[in-house]
Amino acid sequence: MSSEAARQQRLQLRVRGRVQGVGFRAYAQYVAERFALVGWVRNVGASEVEAVAEGPRHALDDFAAALRRGPPGSRVDDATLAWQAASGEFRRFDVRPSAPG
């Protein structure tokens, strides 16, 4: 494993609040691409968004901070973060179809 691969981490983030119908997934994709992260984002249920992102820890920290703020018109009431080792399975950051909640 290269030293670059060893520095990669995976963040699973769930945010709850007014996060649907406000461009949250597009915002998450924009922020992820800005920080050169890969992974995905999707709606879950009626008031939750889930994102999985991989990249350097500092970029993931910035991504999480941006999603905790959310885009204009959103309101984040709660955010849950879970850290893991990066899997390397993603090549870009996608918006996925909604999941049942």
Protein backbone atom coordinates (compact mmCIF):
# COMPACT_ATOMS: atom_id res chain seq x y z
CA MET A 1 0.00 0.00 0.00
CA SER A 2 1.42 3.38 -0.95
CA SER A 3 1.81 6.10 1.66
CA GLU A 4 -0.85 8.15 -0.22
CA ALA A 5 -3.34 5.28 -0.01
CA ALA A 6 -2.58 4.87 3.68
CA ARG A 7 -3.50 8.53 4.32
CA GLN A 8 -6.93 8.14 2.73
CA GLN A 9 -9.90 7.80 5.06
CA ARG A 10 -13.61 7.18 4.70
CA LEU A 11 -16.31 9.29 6.30
CA GLN A 12 -19.95 8.27 6.56
CA LEU A 13 -22.06 11.30 7.41
CA ARG A 14 -25.79 11.56 8.13
CA VAL A 15 -27.46 14.93 8.51
CA ARG A 16 -31.03 15.49 9.66
CA GLY A 17 -33.25 18.53 9.45
CA ARG A 18 -34.56 20.54 6.51
CA VAL A 19 -32.17 18.90 4.07
CA GLN A 20 -34.47 17.85 1.22
CA GLY A 21 -35.90 20.11 -1.46
CA VAL A 22 -33.15 22.69 -0.82
CA GLY A 23 -30.41 21.43 -3.17
CA PHE A 24 -28.53 19.63 -0.40
CA ARG A 25 -27.33 16.70 -2.53
CA ALA A 26 -26.10 19.00 -5.31
CA TYR A 27 -24.37 21.12 -2.65
CA ALA A 28 -22.71 18.01 -1.17
CA GLN A 29 -21.52 16.96 -4.63
CA TYR A 30 -20.15 20.45 -5.34
CA VAL A 31 -18.28 20.55 -2.00
CA ALA A 32 -16.92 17.01 -2.45
CA GLU A 33 -15.63 17.82 -5.92
CA ARG A 34 -14.12 21.07 -4.65
CA PHE A 35 -12.11 19.09 -2.08
CA ALA A 36 -11.29 16.28 -4.59
CA LEU A 37 -13.25 13.68 -2.62
CA VAL A 38 -14.93 10.60 -4.05
CA GLY A 39 -18.05 8.77 -2.86
CA TRP A 40 -21.77 9.47 -2.96
CA VAL A 41 -24.74 11.26 -1.38
CA ARG A 42 -28.45 10.34 -1.22
CA ASN A 43 -31.69 11.23 0.51
CA VAL A 44 -32.88 8.88 3.24
CA GLY A 45 -36.49 9.05 4.38
CA ALA A 46 -38.15 12.46 4.56
CA SER A 47 -35.62 14.51 6.50
CA GLU A 48 -32.19 12.93 6.25
CA VAL A 49 -29.26 12.91 3.85
CA GLU A 50 -26.47 10.33 3.93
CA ALA A 51 -23.04 10.81 2.38
CA VAL A 52 -20.00 8.56 2.11
CA ALA A 53 -16.76 10.25 1.09
CA GLU A 54 -13.15 9.16 0.82
CA GLY A 55 -10.00 11.24 0.69
CA PRO A 56 -7.44 12.91 2.95
CA ARG A 57 -8.58 13.58 6.53
CA HIS A 58 -8.20 17.38 6.26
CA ALA A 59 -10.46 17.46 3.19
CA LEU A 60 -13.01 15.19 4.87
CA ASP A 61 -13.04 17.49 7.92
CA ASP A 62 -13.76 20.47 5.63
CA PHE A 63 -16.47 18.47 3.82
CA ALA A 64 -18.14 17.56 7.12
CA ALA A 65 -18.04 21.19 8.30
CA ALA A 66 -19.63 22.36 5.04
CA LEU A 67 -22.40 19.76 5.26
CA ARG A 68 -23.09 20.69 8.87
CA ARG A 69 -23.73 24.25 7.64
CA GLY A 70 -25.64 23.15 4.54
CA PRO A 71 -26.66 25.25 1.54
CA PRO A 72 -28.89 28.34 1.81
CA GLY A 73 -32.45 27.36 2.70
CA SER A 74 -31.42 24.24 4.60
CA ARG A 75 -31.33 23.67 8.34
CA VAL A 76 -29.16 20.95 9.85
CA ASP A 77 -30.51 19.83 13.23
CA ASP A 78 -28.16 16.89 13.79
CA ALA A 79 -25.11 15.32 12.14
CA THR A 80 -23.58 11.90 12.79
CA LEU A 81 -20.08 11.03 11.63
CA ALA A 82 -18.43 7.61 11.42
CA TRP A 83 -14.77 7.17 10.38
CA GLN A 84 -13.32 4.11 8.67
CA ALA A 85 -10.40 3.11 6.49
CA ALA A 86 -10.86 4.08 2.84
CA SER A 87 -11.96 1.26 0.54
CA GLY A 88 -10.74 2.83 -2.71
CA GLU A 89 -13.92 1.68 -4.47
CA PHE A 90 -15.02 5.10 -5.79
CA ARG A 91 -13.73 7.01 -8.81
CA ARG A 92 -15.91 10.15 -8.48
CA PHE A 93 -18.60 11.66 -6.25
CA ASP A 94 -22.15 10.74 -7.30
CA VAL A 95 -25.69 11.66 -6.35
CA ARG A 96 -27.48 8.36 -5.76
CA PRO A 97 -31.21 7.61 -5.80
CA SER A 98 -33.10 8.08 -2.55
CA ALA A 99 -33.11 5.25 -0.03
CA PRO A 100 -36.17 4.22 1.96
CA GLY A 101 -36.08 5.64 5.44
